[in-house]
């Protein structure tokens, strides 16, 4: 493995992949662990990955698959312990800005958040998301619809919509 080439990739891709990992996990500590796991996987396959190209895309799909595996393990442990899987509780948010949306996204169930990230950050189609997450395309659409419904319900009425309602 060309260590310099790998180190350059890590240095150049870290900001983008760190943001992606935070979007997928909604937790900075888990995001760092996920990013490091992805880099370890890539290091073991570096020569093949360089020959095939698409290093950034490979890293993103790897992070999603690692996160899905982690979530499945958590659900299995909870089921075997007889506990219900954790649900995301929507908290009280007072501002409709970037932080508010980030909080709403963090409150979504993890698979819904993963589907939104892959749909809107990666512009992937349902089939690609399904392949990466081990779900069917119909399940991907359902997860996305539920996530968007939750976000719409929690976002404040926009000014334009409010003005239309007052004028109408």
N, C-alpha and C. Protein backbone atom coordinates (compact mmCIF):
# COMPACT_ATOMS: atom_id res chain seq x y z
N UNK A 1 0.85 -1.19 0.00
CA UNK A 1 0.00 0.00 0.00
C UNK A 1 0.89 1.23 0.00
N UNK A 2 0.55 2.20 -0.80
CA UNK A 2 1.25 3.46 -0.83
C UNK A 2 0.73 4.31 0.33
N UNK A 3 1.50 4.35 1.42
CA UNK A 3 1.06 5.04 2.64
C UNK A 3 0.84 6.52 2.40
N UNK A 4 1.67 7.14 1.60
CA UNK A 4 1.53 8.58 1.34
C UNK A 4 0.22 8.87 0.61
N UNK A 5 -0.13 8.03 -0.34
CA UNK A 5 -1.36 8.22 -1.10
C UNK A 5 -2.59 8.05 -0.18
N UNK A 6 -2.55 7.05 0.69
CA UNK A 6 -3.65 6.84 1.63
C UNK A 6 -3.75 8.00 2.61
N UNK A 7 -2.63 8.44 3.15
CA UNK A 7 -2.63 9.56 4.09
C UNK A 7 -3.17 10.83 3.43
N UNK A 8 -2.82 11.05 2.19
CA UNK A 8 -3.34 12.21 1.45
C UNK A 8 -4.86 12.11 1.30
N UNK A 9 -5.34 10.91 0.96
CA UNK A 9 -6.78 10.71 0.85
C UNK A 9 -7.48 10.99 2.18
N UNK A 10 -6.93 10.47 3.25
CA UNK A 10 -7.54 10.68 4.58
C UNK A 10 -7.57 12.17 4.90
N UNK A 11 -6.48 12.83 4.70
CA UNK A 11 -6.40 14.27 5.01
C UNK A 11 -7.39 15.08 4.16
N UNK A 12 -7.47 14.77 2.89
CA UNK A 12 -8.34 15.53 1.99
C UNK A 12 -9.82 15.19 2.16
N UNK A 13 -10.12 13.96 2.48
CA UNK A 13 -11.52 13.54 2.57
C UNK A 13 -12.12 13.69 3.96
N UNK A 14 -11.31 13.84 4.97
CA UNK A 14 -11.81 13.85 6.35
C UNK A 14 -12.91 14.87 6.60
N UNK A 15 -12.79 16.13 6.16
CA UNK A 15 -13.88 17.08 6.44
C UNK A 15 -15.22 16.65 5.83
N UNK A 16 -15.20 16.21 4.59
CA UNK A 16 -16.43 15.79 3.92
C UNK A 16 -17.01 14.55 4.58
N UNK A 17 -16.16 13.56 4.81
CA UNK A 17 -16.64 12.30 5.39
C UNK A 17 -17.05 12.48 6.85
N UNK A 18 -16.41 13.37 7.56
CA UNK A 18 -16.81 13.63 8.96
C UNK A 18 -18.22 14.23 9.00
N UNK A 19 -18.51 15.18 8.11
CA UNK A 19 -19.87 15.75 8.05
C UNK A 19 -20.87 14.67 7.69
N UNK A 20 -20.50 13.82 6.77
CA UNK A 20 -21.39 12.74 6.34
C UNK A 20 -21.66 11.79 7.51
N UNK A 21 -20.61 11.41 8.23
CA UNK A 21 -20.76 10.50 9.37
C UNK A 21 -21.63 11.13 10.45
N UNK A 22 -21.47 12.43 10.68
CA UNK A 22 -22.32 13.11 11.68
C UNK A 22 -23.78 13.14 11.23
N UNK A 23 -24.00 13.28 9.95
CA UNK A 23 -25.38 13.26 9.44
C UNK A 23 -25.99 11.88 9.59
N UNK A 24 -25.21 10.85 9.37
CA UNK A 24 -25.71 9.48 9.47
C UNK A 24 -25.95 9.07 10.92
N UNK A 25 -25.07 9.45 11.82
CA UNK A 25 -25.18 8.99 13.21
C UNK A 25 -25.89 9.97 14.12
N UNK A 26 -25.86 11.25 13.82
CA UNK A 26 -26.39 12.31 14.68
C UNK A 26 -25.70 12.35 16.03
N UNK A 27 -24.47 11.88 16.08
CA UNK A 27 -23.71 11.88 17.32
C UNK A 27 -22.23 12.06 16.97
N UNK A 28 -21.60 13.14 17.43
CA UNK A 28 -20.20 13.40 17.04
C UNK A 28 -19.23 12.28 17.43
N UNK A 29 -19.42 11.67 18.60
CA UNK A 29 -18.51 10.60 19.02
C UNK A 29 -18.69 9.35 18.16
N UNK A 30 -19.94 8.98 17.91
CA UNK A 30 -20.19 7.83 17.04
C UNK A 30 -19.71 8.12 15.62
N UNK A 31 -19.84 9.37 15.20
CA UNK A 31 -19.39 9.75 13.86
C UNK A 31 -17.89 9.54 13.72
N UNK A 32 -17.13 9.93 14.72
CA UNK A 32 -15.67 9.74 14.66
C UNK A 32 -15.32 8.26 14.61
N UNK A 33 -15.99 7.46 15.43
CA UNK A 33 -15.73 6.02 15.43
C UNK A 33 -16.08 5.42 14.07
N UNK A 34 -17.20 5.85 13.52
CA UNK A 34 -17.63 5.35 12.22
C UNK A 34 -16.63 5.73 11.13
N UNK A 35 -16.16 6.96 11.16
CA UNK A 35 -15.18 7.43 10.18
C UNK A 35 -13.90 6.60 10.26
N UNK A 36 -13.43 6.35 11.48
CA UNK A 36 -12.21 5.57 11.64
C UNK A 36 -12.40 4.13 11.17
N UNK A 37 -13.56 3.55 11.45
CA UNK A 37 -13.83 2.19 10.97
C UNK A 37 -13.82 2.15 9.44
N UNK A 38 -14.39 3.15 8.82
CA UNK A 38 -14.41 3.18 7.36
C UNK A 38 -12.99 3.28 6.81
N UNK A 39 -12.17 4.14 7.41
CA UNK A 39 -10.79 4.26 6.95
C UNK A 39 -10.01 2.96 7.13
N UNK A 40 -10.26 2.25 8.23
CA UNK A 40 -9.58 0.96 8.45
C UNK A 40 -9.97 -0.02 7.35
N UNK A 41 -11.26 -0.09 7.04
CA UNK A 41 -11.71 -0.99 5.97
C UNK A 41 -11.07 -0.61 4.64
N UNK A 42 -10.99 0.68 4.39
CA UNK A 42 -10.41 1.14 3.12
C UNK A 42 -8.92 0.83 3.05
N UNK A 43 -8.23 0.95 4.18
CA UNK A 43 -6.79 0.70 4.18
C UNK A 43 -6.49 -0.75 3.80
N UNK A 44 -7.35 -1.67 4.23
CA UNK A 44 -7.10 -3.08 3.92
C UNK A 44 -7.36 -3.43 2.46
N UNK A 45 -8.08 -2.56 1.77
CA UNK A 45 -8.44 -2.80 0.37
C UNK A 45 -7.91 -1.69 -0.55
N UNK A 46 -6.96 -0.95 -0.10
CA UNK A 46 -6.55 0.29 -0.76
C UNK A 46 -6.18 0.10 -2.23
N UNK A 47 -5.33 -0.87 -2.54
CA UNK A 47 -4.88 -1.04 -3.94
C UNK A 47 -6.06 -1.32 -4.87
N UNK A 48 -6.98 -2.18 -4.45
CA UNK A 48 -8.14 -2.50 -5.27
C UNK A 48 -9.03 -1.27 -5.43
N UNK A 49 -9.22 -0.50 -4.34
CA UNK A 49 -10.08 0.68 -4.39
C UNK A 49 -9.50 1.75 -5.30
N UNK A 50 -8.20 1.95 -5.24
CA UNK A 50 -7.56 2.96 -6.11
C UNK A 50 -7.73 2.55 -7.56
N UNK A 51 -7.58 1.28 -7.86
CA UNK A 51 -7.72 0.81 -9.24
C UNK A 51 -9.14 0.99 -9.75
N UNK A 52 -10.13 0.78 -8.86
CA UNK A 52 -11.53 0.90 -9.26
C UNK A 52 -12.02 2.34 -9.28
N UNK A 53 -11.41 3.21 -8.47
CA UNK A 53 -11.86 4.60 -8.38
C UNK A 53 -13.06 4.73 -7.47
N UNK A 54 -13.57 5.95 -7.35
CA UNK A 54 -14.76 6.18 -6.52
C UNK A 54 -14.49 6.03 -5.04
N UNK A 55 -13.36 6.53 -4.59
CA UNK A 55 -12.97 6.34 -3.19
C UNK A 55 -13.96 6.99 -2.22
N UNK A 56 -14.40 8.20 -2.52
CA UNK A 56 -15.32 8.90 -1.63
C UNK A 56 -16.66 8.17 -1.56
N UNK A 57 -17.16 7.72 -2.69
CA UNK A 57 -18.43 6.99 -2.71
C UNK A 57 -18.30 5.68 -1.93
N UNK A 58 -17.19 5.01 -2.08
CA UNK A 58 -16.96 3.77 -1.35
C UNK A 58 -16.96 4.04 0.16
N UNK A 59 -16.30 5.10 0.57
CA UNK A 59 -16.24 5.44 1.99
C UNK A 59 -17.63 5.73 2.55
N UNK A 60 -18.45 6.44 1.79
CA UNK A 60 -19.81 6.75 2.25
C UNK A 60 -20.66 5.50 2.38
N UNK A 61 -20.61 4.65 1.38
CA UNK A 61 -21.41 3.41 1.44
C UNK A 61 -20.90 2.53 2.59
N UNK A 62 -19.61 2.48 2.79
CA UNK A 62 -19.04 1.71 3.89
C UNK A 62 -19.55 2.23 5.23
N UNK A 63 -19.58 3.55 5.39
CA UNK A 63 -20.09 4.12 6.65
C UNK A 63 -21.56 3.78 6.86
N UNK A 64 -22.34 3.86 5.82
CA UNK A 64 -23.76 3.53 5.95
C UNK A 64 -23.92 2.06 6.33
N UNK A 65 -23.20 1.19 5.68
CA UNK A 65 -23.32 -0.24 6.00
C UNK A 65 -22.84 -0.54 7.42
N UNK A 66 -21.77 0.09 7.86
CA UNK A 66 -21.31 -0.09 9.23
C UNK A 66 -22.36 0.40 10.23
N UNK A 67 -22.97 1.54 9.93
CA UNK A 67 -23.99 2.08 10.82
C UNK A 67 -25.22 1.18 10.87
N UNK A 68 -25.64 0.67 9.72
CA UNK A 68 -26.79 -0.24 9.68
C UNK A 68 -26.48 -1.50 10.48
N UNK A 69 -25.28 -2.03 10.35
CA UNK A 69 -24.88 -3.21 11.12
C UNK A 69 -24.91 -2.93 12.61
N UNK A 70 -24.42 -1.76 13.00
CA UNK A 70 -24.43 -1.38 14.42
C UNK A 70 -25.85 -1.28 14.92
N UNK A 71 -26.73 -0.66 14.14
CA UNK A 71 -28.13 -0.52 14.54
C UNK A 71 -28.81 -1.87 14.67
N UNK A 72 -28.54 -2.77 13.75
CA UNK A 72 -29.13 -4.11 13.83
C UNK A 72 -28.66 -4.83 15.09
N UNK A 73 -27.40 -4.67 15.44
CA UNK A 73 -26.88 -5.31 16.66
C UNK A 73 -27.56 -4.74 17.90
N UNK A 74 -27.77 -3.44 17.92
CA UNK A 74 -28.45 -2.81 19.06
C UNK A 74 -29.87 -3.34 19.18
N UNK A 75 -30.60 -3.42 18.07
CA UNK A 75 -31.97 -3.91 18.09
C UNK A 75 -32.00 -5.37 18.54
N UNK A 76 -31.06 -6.18 18.06
CA UNK A 76 -31.00 -7.60 18.49
C UNK A 76 -30.78 -7.69 19.99
N UNK A 77 -29.86 -6.88 20.52
CA UNK A 77 -29.60 -6.91 21.97
C UNK A 77 -30.83 -6.48 22.75
N UNK A 78 -31.51 -5.45 22.28
CA UNK A 78 -32.71 -4.98 22.96
C UNK A 78 -33.82 -6.03 22.92
N UNK A 79 -33.98 -6.66 21.77
CA UNK A 79 -35.02 -7.70 21.66
C UNK A 79 -34.71 -8.89 22.56
N UNK A 80 -33.45 -9.28 22.61
CA UNK A 80 -33.09 -10.43 23.45
C UNK A 80 -33.23 -10.08 24.93
N UNK A 81 -33.09 -8.80 25.27
CA UNK A 81 -33.26 -8.36 26.66
C UNK A 81 -34.72 -8.08 26.98
N UNK A 82 -35.59 -8.15 25.95
CA UNK A 82 -37.00 -7.90 26.18
C UNK A 82 -37.38 -6.43 26.24
N UNK A 83 -36.49 -5.57 25.80
CA UNK A 83 -36.78 -4.13 25.81
C UNK A 83 -37.20 -3.68 24.42
N UNK A 84 -37.95 -2.61 24.37
CA UNK A 84 -38.38 -2.05 23.09
C UNK A 84 -37.23 -1.24 22.50
N UNK A 85 -37.09 -1.21 21.17
CA UNK A 85 -36.06 -0.38 20.55
C UNK A 85 -36.28 1.08 20.91
N UNK A 86 -35.21 1.84 21.04
CA UNK A 86 -35.36 3.25 21.40
C UNK A 86 -36.07 4.01 20.29
N UNK A 87 -36.99 4.84 20.66
CA UNK A 87 -37.65 5.69 19.67
C UNK A 87 -37.14 7.10 19.85
N UNK A 88 -37.16 7.84 18.79
CA UNK A 88 -36.68 9.21 18.84
C UNK A 88 -37.82 10.09 19.32
N UNK A 89 -37.57 10.79 20.39
CA UNK A 89 -38.58 11.70 20.90
C UNK A 89 -38.31 13.09 20.35
N UNK A 90 -39.35 13.70 19.85
CA UNK A 90 -39.19 15.05 19.32
C UNK A 90 -39.19 16.03 20.48
N UNK A 91 -38.15 16.80 20.60
CA UNK A 91 -38.05 17.75 21.69
C UNK A 91 -38.67 19.08 21.32
N UNK A 92 -38.61 19.99 22.24
CA UNK A 92 -39.11 21.35 22.00
C UNK A 92 -37.98 22.17 21.39
N UNK A 93 -38.23 22.77 20.26
CA UNK A 93 -37.24 23.59 19.59
C UNK A 93 -37.86 24.94 19.33
N UNK A 94 -37.12 25.99 19.64
CA UNK A 94 -37.68 27.32 19.52
C UNK A 94 -37.24 28.09 18.30
N UNK A 95 -36.36 27.58 17.48
CA UNK A 95 -35.88 28.34 16.33
C UNK A 95 -35.89 27.48 15.08
N UNK A 96 -36.28 28.10 13.99
CA UNK A 96 -36.40 27.38 12.71
C UNK A 96 -35.18 27.64 11.85
N UNK A 97 -34.02 27.37 12.38
CA UNK A 97 -32.79 27.60 11.63
C UNK A 97 -32.03 26.28 11.47
N UNK A 98 -30.79 26.38 11.10
CA UNK A 98 -29.95 25.21 10.85
C UNK A 98 -29.88 24.30 12.08
N UNK A 99 -29.69 24.86 13.25
CA UNK A 99 -29.60 24.06 14.47
C UNK A 99 -30.92 23.35 14.75
N UNK A 100 -32.02 24.01 14.47
CA UNK A 100 -33.33 23.41 14.69
C UNK A 100 -33.51 22.19 13.78
N UNK A 101 -33.20 22.34 12.52
CA UNK A 101 -33.32 21.24 11.59
C UNK A 101 -32.38 20.10 11.96
N UNK A 102 -31.17 20.44 12.37
CA UNK A 102 -30.22 19.41 12.80
C UNK A 102 -30.77 18.64 13.99
N UNK A 103 -31.40 19.35 14.92
CA UNK A 103 -32.00 18.69 16.07
C UNK A 103 -33.14 17.77 15.65
N UNK A 104 -33.95 18.23 14.70
CA UNK A 104 -35.04 17.39 14.21
C UNK A 104 -34.51 16.14 13.52
N UNK A 105 -33.47 16.31 12.72
CA UNK A 105 -32.87 15.16 12.04
C UNK A 105 -32.28 14.18 13.06
N UNK A 106 -31.66 14.70 14.10
CA UNK A 106 -31.09 13.84 15.13
C UNK A 106 -32.17 13.07 15.86
N UNK A 107 -33.38 13.63 15.90
CA UNK A 107 -34.48 12.97 16.58
C UNK A 107 -35.17 11.90 15.77
N UNK A 108 -34.85 11.80 14.50
CA UNK A 108 -35.47 10.76 13.65
C UNK A 108 -34.90 9.39 14.01
N UNK A 109 -35.67 8.34 13.80
CA UNK A 109 -35.10 7.00 13.94
C UNK A 109 -33.90 6.86 12.99
N UNK A 110 -32.88 6.14 13.40
CA UNK A 110 -31.63 6.08 12.63
C UNK A 110 -31.79 5.68 11.16
N UNK A 111 -32.61 4.70 10.84
CA UNK A 111 -32.74 4.29 9.44
C UNK A 111 -33.43 5.38 8.61
N UNK A 112 -34.37 6.09 9.19
CA UNK A 112 -35.00 7.20 8.45
C UNK A 112 -33.95 8.27 8.16
N UNK A 113 -33.11 8.56 9.13
CA UNK A 113 -32.06 9.57 8.94
C UNK A 113 -31.08 9.13 7.86
N UNK A 114 -30.69 7.84 7.89
CA UNK A 114 -29.76 7.32 6.88
C UNK A 114 -30.35 7.47 5.48
N UNK A 115 -31.63 7.13 5.33
CA UNK A 115 -32.27 7.24 4.02
C UNK A 115 -32.30 8.70 3.55
N UNK A 116 -32.61 9.63 4.45
CA UNK A 116 -32.61 11.04 4.06
C UNK A 116 -31.22 11.51 3.66
N UNK A 117 -30.22 11.10 4.40
CA UNK A 117 -28.83 11.49 4.09
C UNK A 117 -28.45 10.97 2.71
N UNK A 118 -28.74 9.71 2.45
CA UNK A 118 -28.36 9.14 1.16
C UNK A 118 -29.18 9.74 0.01
N UNK A 119 -30.43 10.10 0.29
CA UNK A 119 -31.27 10.69 -0.75
C UNK A 119 -30.84 12.11 -1.07
N UNK A 120 -30.68 12.94 -0.05
CA UNK A 120 -30.47 14.36 -0.29
C UNK A 120 -29.02 14.82 -0.27
N UNK A 121 -28.14 14.10 0.40
CA UNK A 121 -26.73 14.48 0.35
C UNK A 121 -26.00 13.78 -0.79
N UNK A 122 -26.40 12.53 -1.06
CA UNK A 122 -25.73 11.77 -2.11
C UNK A 122 -26.51 11.71 -3.41
N UNK A 123 -27.76 12.16 -3.41
CA UNK A 123 -28.61 12.11 -4.59
C UNK A 123 -28.72 10.69 -5.15
N UNK A 124 -28.85 9.71 -4.27
CA UNK A 124 -28.96 8.32 -4.71
C UNK A 124 -30.42 7.97 -4.95
N UNK A 125 -30.65 7.04 -5.87
CA UNK A 125 -32.02 6.58 -6.12
C UNK A 125 -32.38 5.48 -5.11
N UNK A 126 -33.65 5.11 -5.12
CA UNK A 126 -34.14 4.14 -4.14
C UNK A 126 -33.43 2.79 -4.24
N UNK A 127 -33.14 2.36 -5.44
CA UNK A 127 -32.48 1.07 -5.63
C UNK A 127 -31.07 1.08 -5.04
N UNK A 128 -30.35 2.16 -5.23
CA UNK A 128 -28.99 2.26 -4.69
C UNK A 128 -29.01 2.30 -3.17
N UNK A 129 -29.95 3.04 -2.61
CA UNK A 129 -30.08 3.11 -1.15
C UNK A 129 -30.46 1.75 -0.60
N UNK A 130 -31.38 1.08 -1.28
CA UNK A 130 -31.81 -0.25 -0.85
C UNK A 130 -30.63 -1.22 -0.84
N UNK A 131 -29.81 -1.17 -1.87
CA UNK A 131 -28.65 -2.06 -1.94
C UNK A 131 -27.66 -1.77 -0.82
N UNK A 132 -27.45 -0.50 -0.51
CA UNK A 132 -26.49 -0.12 0.53
C UNK A 132 -26.99 -0.45 1.93
N UNK A 133 -28.29 -0.40 2.15
CA UNK A 133 -28.84 -0.59 3.49
C UNK A 133 -29.42 -1.98 3.72
N UNK A 134 -29.51 -2.78 2.67
CA UNK A 134 -30.08 -4.11 2.81
C UNK A 134 -31.59 -4.11 2.95
N UNK A 135 -32.22 -3.09 2.39
CA UNK A 135 -33.69 -2.96 2.42
C UNK A 135 -34.20 -3.06 1.00
N UNK A 136 -35.52 -3.17 0.85
CA UNK A 136 -36.14 -3.14 -0.46
C UNK A 136 -36.43 -1.69 -0.85
N UNK A 137 -36.49 -1.38 -2.15
CA UNK A 137 -36.79 0.00 -2.56
C UNK A 137 -38.10 0.52 -1.98
N UNK A 138 -39.10 -0.32 -1.86
CA UNK A 138 -40.37 0.13 -1.27
C UNK A 138 -40.19 0.52 0.20
N UNK A 139 -39.34 -0.19 0.90
CA UNK A 139 -39.05 0.14 2.30
C UNK A 139 -38.31 1.46 2.38
N UNK A 140 -37.40 1.69 1.45
CA UNK A 140 -36.67 2.96 1.41
C UNK A 140 -37.65 4.11 1.21
N UNK A 141 -38.58 3.96 0.28
CA UNK A 141 -39.58 5.02 0.04
C UNK A 141 -40.44 5.25 1.28
N UNK A 142 -40.81 4.18 1.95
CA UNK A 142 -41.62 4.29 3.16
C UNK A 142 -40.86 5.01 4.28
N UNK A 143 -39.60 4.64 4.46
CA UNK A 143 -38.78 5.30 5.48
C UNK A 143 -38.63 6.79 5.19
N UNK A 144 -38.39 7.12 3.92
CA UNK A 144 -38.23 8.52 3.54
C UNK A 144 -39.53 9.29 3.75
N UNK A 145 -40.67 8.70 3.36
CA UNK A 145 -41.96 9.38 3.54
C UNK A 145 -42.26 9.62 5.02
N UNK A 146 -41.99 8.63 5.86
CA UNK A 146 -42.23 8.81 7.29
C UNK A 146 -41.32 9.90 7.87
N UNK A 147 -40.06 9.89 7.45
CA UNK A 147 -39.12 10.89 7.96
C UNK A 147 -39.55 12.29 7.54
N UNK A 148 -39.90 12.45 6.27
CA UNK A 148 -40.33 13.77 5.80
C UNK A 148 -41.62 14.20 6.48
N UNK A 149 -42.52 13.27 6.72
CA UNK A 149 -43.75 13.59 7.44
C UNK A 149 -43.47 14.09 8.85
N UNK A 150 -42.56 13.45 9.52
CA UNK A 150 -42.17 13.88 10.86
C UNK A 150 -41.56 15.27 10.83
N UNK A 151 -40.66 15.50 9.87
CA UNK A 151 -40.02 16.82 9.76
C UNK A 151 -41.05 17.90 9.45
N UNK A 152 -41.96 17.62 8.53
CA UNK A 152 -42.99 18.61 8.19
C UNK A 152 -43.85 18.95 9.39
N UNK A 153 -44.19 17.95 10.18
CA UNK A 153 -45.04 18.17 11.35
C UNK A 153 -44.33 19.01 12.41
N UNK A 154 -43.01 18.89 12.48
CA UNK A 154 -42.26 19.58 13.52
C UNK A 154 -41.74 20.96 13.11
N UNK A 155 -41.64 21.20 11.80
CA UNK A 155 -41.14 22.50 11.35
C UNK A 155 -42.23 23.55 11.50
N UNK A 156 -41.86 24.75 11.90
CA UNK A 156 -42.87 25.80 12.04
C UNK A 156 -43.42 26.21 10.68
N UNK A 157 -44.60 26.76 10.70
CA UNK A 157 -45.23 27.24 9.47
C UNK A 157 -44.33 28.31 8.87
N UNK A 158 -44.07 28.19 7.58
CA UNK A 158 -43.21 29.18 6.95
C UNK A 158 -43.94 30.51 6.80
N UNK A 159 -43.20 31.56 6.68
CA UNK A 159 -43.78 32.89 6.57
C UNK A 159 -44.67 33.01 5.33
N UNK A 160 -44.22 32.43 4.21
CA UNK A 160 -44.99 32.51 2.97
C UNK A 160 -46.34 31.80 3.16
N UNK A 161 -46.30 30.63 3.73
CA UNK A 161 -47.54 29.88 3.94
C UNK A 161 -48.46 30.63 4.90
N UNK A 162 -47.88 31.21 5.94
CA UNK A 162 -48.69 31.96 6.89
C UNK A 162 -49.33 33.17 6.23
N UNK A 163 -48.57 33.86 5.37
CA UNK A 163 -49.12 35.02 4.68
C UNK A 163 -50.26 34.62 3.75
N UNK A 164 -50.11 33.46 3.09
CA UNK A 164 -51.19 32.99 2.21
C UNK A 164 -52.45 32.68 3.01
N UNK A 165 -52.27 32.09 4.17
CA UNK A 165 -53.43 31.74 5.00
C UNK A 165 -54.14 33.00 5.50
N UNK A 166 -53.38 34.03 5.86
CA UNK A 166 -53.98 35.28 6.33
C UNK A 166 -54.67 36.01 5.18
N UNK A 167 -54.03 36.02 3.99
CA UNK A 167 -54.60 36.72 2.84
C UNK A 167 -55.80 35.99 2.27
N UNK A 168 -55.83 34.66 2.39
CA UNK A 168 -56.86 33.84 1.77
C UNK A 168 -58.08 33.81 2.57
